[in-house]
Amino acid sequence: EKIVKEELSKDLSGASLETLAVVLYKSPVTRKEIEYIRGVNVSFSLRNLLLRGLIEKIPSKLDERIFLYTPTSDALKYLGVTSATELPGYTEVTKEIAVRSQTPEDTEN
């Protein structure tokens, strides 16, 4: 309990903020997709965001072994929006994420 309280009292790291941004702008998104976009392992960042109640994990309807991450209503409320589409530069950022999300196989076709 002491460790969790100490962890929650710290500011979010840059890695956690980047991970949260991907979840906000590309929701629902898998851990694998976030890792591909960021280029690093995001397990710790996802755990931290889940503990803080900023994101939630839901099972995929296509494959129950895969989880999707979405922002919580509390996270959106904290940012002063009711929907992710109200975030600054939403259209531009989602287009950029879509480009960065393409695998080499996607760009060949």
C-alpha atoms as a PDB file:
ATOM      1  CA  GLU A   1       0.000   0.000   0.000  1.00  0.00           C
ATOM      2  CA  LYS A   2       2.846   2.360   0.881  1.00  0.00           C
ATOM      3  CA  ILE A   3       4.572   1.704  -2.452  1.00  0.00           C
ATOM      4  CA  VAL A   4       1.376   2.364  -4.427  1.00  0.00           C
ATOM      5  CA  LYS A   5       0.702   5.601  -2.525  1.00  0.00           C
ATOM      6  CA  GLU A   6       4.264   6.750  -3.131  1.00  0.00           C
ATOM      7  CA  GLU A   7       4.002   5.906  -6.828  1.00  0.00           C
ATOM      8  CA  LEU A   8       0.696   7.759  -7.187  1.00  0.00           C
ATOM      9  CA  SER A   9       2.046  10.867  -5.467  1.00  0.00           C
ATOM     10  CA  LYS A  10       4.686  11.395  -8.170  1.00  0.00           C
ATOM     11  CA  ASP A  11       4.079  13.282 -11.399  1.00  0.00           C
ATOM     12  CA  LEU A  12       3.523  11.270 -14.546  1.00  0.00           C
ATOM     13  CA  SER A  13       6.748  10.506 -16.394  1.00  0.00           C
ATOM     14  CA  GLY A  14       7.293  11.612 -19.971  1.00  0.00           C
ATOM     15  CA  ALA A  15       6.859   7.999 -21.079  1.00  0.00           C
ATOM     16  CA  SER A  16       3.507   7.764 -19.286  1.00  0.00           C
ATOM     17  CA  LEU A  17       2.345  11.050 -20.808  1.00  0.00           C
ATOM     18  CA  GLU A  18       3.282   9.857 -24.292  1.00  0.00           C
ATOM     19  CA  THR A  19       1.450   6.586 -23.703  1.00  0.00           C
ATOM     20  CA  LEU A  20      -1.605   8.468 -22.437  1.00  0.00           C
ATOM     21  CA  ALA A  21      -1.531  10.673 -25.538  1.00  0.00           C
ATOM     22  CA  VAL A  22      -1.554   7.621 -27.814  1.00  0.00           C
ATOM     23  CA  VAL A  23      -4.488   6.151 -25.871  1.00  0.00           C
ATOM     24  CA  LEU A  24      -6.361   9.469 -26.015  1.00  0.00           C
ATOM     25  CA  TYR A  25      -5.875   9.996 -29.745  1.00  0.00           C
ATOM     26  CA  LYS A  26      -6.084   6.379 -30.983  1.00  0.00           C
ATOM     27  CA  SER A  27      -8.571   4.786 -28.602  1.00  0.00           C
ATOM     28  CA  PRO A  28      -9.388   1.921 -28.460  1.00  0.00           C
ATOM     29  CA  VAL A  29      -5.830   0.697 -28.895  1.00  0.00           C
ATOM     30  CA  THR A  30      -3.903  -2.458 -28.024  1.00  0.00           C
ATOM     31  CA  ARG A  31      -0.652  -2.563 -26.081  1.00  0.00           C
ATOM     32  CA  LYS A  32       1.067  -3.887 -29.210  1.00  0.00           C
ATOM     33  CA  GLU A  33      -0.112  -0.875 -31.245  1.00  0.00           C
ATOM     34  CA  ILE A  34       1.069   1.563 -28.562  1.00  0.00           C
ATOM     35  CA  GLU A  35       4.462  -0.140 -28.443  1.00  0.00           C
ATOM     36  CA  TYR A  36       4.741   0.001 -32.231  1.00  0.00           C
ATOM     37  CA  ILE A  37       3.939   3.718 -32.297  1.00  0.00           C
ATOM     38  CA  ARG A  38       6.256   4.573 -29.386  1.00  0.00           C
ATOM     39  CA  GLY A  39       8.946   2.071 -30.298  1.00  0.00           C
ATOM     40  CA  VAL A  40       9.411   0.910 -26.697  1.00  0.00           C
ATOM     41  CA  ASN A  41       7.833  -1.409 -24.130  1.00  0.00           C
ATOM     42  CA  VAL A  42       4.885   0.360 -22.469  1.00  0.00           C
ATOM     43  CA  SER A  43       3.908  -2.165 -19.796  1.00  0.00           C
ATOM     44  CA  PHE A  44       5.053   0.000 -16.886  1.00  0.00           C
ATOM     45  CA  SER A  45       3.392   3.133 -18.302  1.00  0.00           C
ATOM     46  CA  LEU A  46       0.100   1.303 -18.879  1.00  0.00           C
ATOM     47  CA  ARG A  47       0.185  -0.087 -15.336  1.00  0.00           C
ATOM     48  CA  ASN A  48       0.834   3.387 -13.946  1.00  0.00           C
ATOM     49  CA  LEU A  49      -2.027   4.923 -15.954  1.00  0.00           C
ATOM     50  CA  LEU A  50      -4.395   2.107 -14.944  1.00  0.00           C
ATOM     51  CA  LEU A  51      -3.523   2.585 -11.254  1.00  0.00           C
ATOM     52  CA  ARG A  52      -4.257   6.296 -11.542  1.00  0.00           C
ATOM     53  CA  GLY A  53      -7.611   5.653 -13.207  1.00  0.00           C
ATOM     54  CA  LEU A  54      -6.669   7.561 -16.369  1.00  0.00           C
ATOM     55  CA  ILE A  55      -7.196   4.623 -18.718  1.00  0.00           C
ATOM     56  CA  GLU A  56      -9.206   1.441 -18.599  1.00  0.00           C
ATOM     57  CA  LYS A  57      -8.605  -2.000 -20.049  1.00  0.00           C
ATOM     58  CA  ILE A  58     -11.423  -3.787 -21.851  1.00  0.00           C
ATOM     59  CA  PRO A  59     -11.396  -7.168 -23.615  1.00  0.00           C
ATOM     60  CA  SER A  60     -11.432  -7.097 -27.402  1.00  0.00           C
ATOM     61  CA  LYS A  61     -14.648  -8.331 -28.982  1.00  0.00           C
ATOM     62  CA  LEU A  62     -12.619 -10.084 -31.696  1.00  0.00           C
ATOM     63  CA  ASP A  63     -10.175 -11.889 -29.404  1.00  0.00           C
ATOM     64  CA  GLU A  64     -10.740 -12.087 -25.650  1.00  0.00           C
ATOM     65  CA  ARG A  65      -7.005 -12.673 -25.105  1.00  0.00           C
ATOM     66  CA  ILE A  66      -6.308  -9.126 -26.276  1.00  0.00           C
ATOM     67  CA  PHE A  67      -7.132  -6.036 -24.252  1.00  0.00           C
ATOM     68  CA  LEU A  68      -7.967  -2.597 -25.602  1.00  0.00           C
ATOM     69  CA  TYR A  69      -7.063   0.577 -23.739  1.00  0.00           C
ATOM     70  CA  THR A  70      -9.346   3.593 -23.648  1.00  0.00           C
ATOM     71  CA  PRO A  71      -9.278   6.823 -21.643  1.00  0.00           C
ATOM     72  CA  THR A  72     -11.597   6.990 -18.646  1.00  0.00           C
ATOM     73  CA  SER A  73     -14.261   9.642 -18.335  1.00  0.00           C
ATOM     74  CA  ASP A  74     -12.265  10.998 -15.369  1.00  0.00           C
ATOM     75  CA  ALA A  75      -9.231  11.513 -17.626  1.00  0.00           C
ATOM     76  CA  LEU A  76     -11.337  13.359 -20.189  1.00  0.00           C
ATOM     77  CA  LYS A  77     -12.995  15.422 -17.459  1.00  0.00           C
ATOM     78  CA  TYR A  78      -9.574  16.317 -16.030  1.00  0.00           C
ATOM     79  CA  LEU A  79      -8.559  17.549 -19.500  1.00  0.00           C
ATOM     80  CA  GLY A  80     -11.749  19.606 -19.729  1.00  0.00           C
ATOM     81  CA  VAL A  81     -13.366  17.703 -22.595  1.00  0.00           C
ATOM     82  CA  THR A  82     -16.272  15.300 -22.854  1.00  0.00           C
ATOM     83  CA  SER A  83     -14.913  13.384 -25.838  1.00  0.00           C
ATOM     84  CA  ALA A  84     -11.452  12.709 -27.256  1.00  0.00           C
ATOM     85  CA  THR A  85     -12.537  14.401 -30.489  1.00  0.00           C
ATOM     86  CA  GLU A  86     -12.535  17.710 -28.590  1.00  0.00           C
ATOM     87  CA  LEU A  87      -8.808  17.431 -27.849  1.00  0.00           C
ATOM     88  CA  PRO A  88      -6.551  20.041 -29.484  1.00  0.00           C
ATOM     89  CA  GLY A  89      -5.450  19.075 -32.988  1.00  0.00           C
ATOM     90  CA  TYR A  90      -7.403  15.820 -32.840  1.00  0.00           C
ATOM     91  CA  THR A  91      -7.777  15.454 -36.621  1.00  0.00           C
ATOM     92  CA  GLU A  92      -4.133  16.222 -37.388  1.00  0.00           C
ATOM     93  CA  VAL A  93      -2.773  14.015 -34.612  1.00  0.00           C
ATOM     94  CA  THR A  94      -4.962  11.044 -35.513  1.00  0.00           C
ATOM     95  CA  LYS A  95      -3.796  11.319 -39.136  1.00  0.00           C
ATOM     96  CA  GLU A  96      -0.149  11.367 -37.995  1.00  0.00           C
ATOM     97  CA  ILE A  97      -0.716   8.374 -35.708  1.00  0.00           C
ATOM     98  CA  ALA A  98      -2.348   6.495 -38.584  1.00  0.00           C
ATOM     99  CA  VAL A  99       0.728   7.123 -40.743  1.00  0.00           C
ATOM    100  CA  ARG A 100       3.098   6.045 -37.958  1.00  0.00           C
ATOM    101  CA  SER A 101       0.960   2.989 -37.220  1.00  0.00           C
ATOM    102  CA  GLN A 102       1.421   1.540 -40.676  1.00  0.00           C
ATOM    103  CA  THR A 103       3.675  -1.462 -40.848  1.00  0.00           C
ATOM    104  CA  PRO A 104       6.069  -1.882 -43.788  1.00  0.00           C
ATOM    105  CA  GLU A 105       3.622  -4.416 -45.287  1.00  0.00           C
ATOM    106  CA  ASP A 106       0.848  -1.770 -45.203  1.00  0.00           C
ATOM    107  CA  THR A 107       2.887   0.753 -47.198  1.00  0.00           C
ATOM    108  CA  GLU A 108       3.766  -1.753 -49.948  1.00  0.00           C
ATOM    109  CA  ASN A 109       0.134  -2.112 -51.071  1.00  0.00           C
END
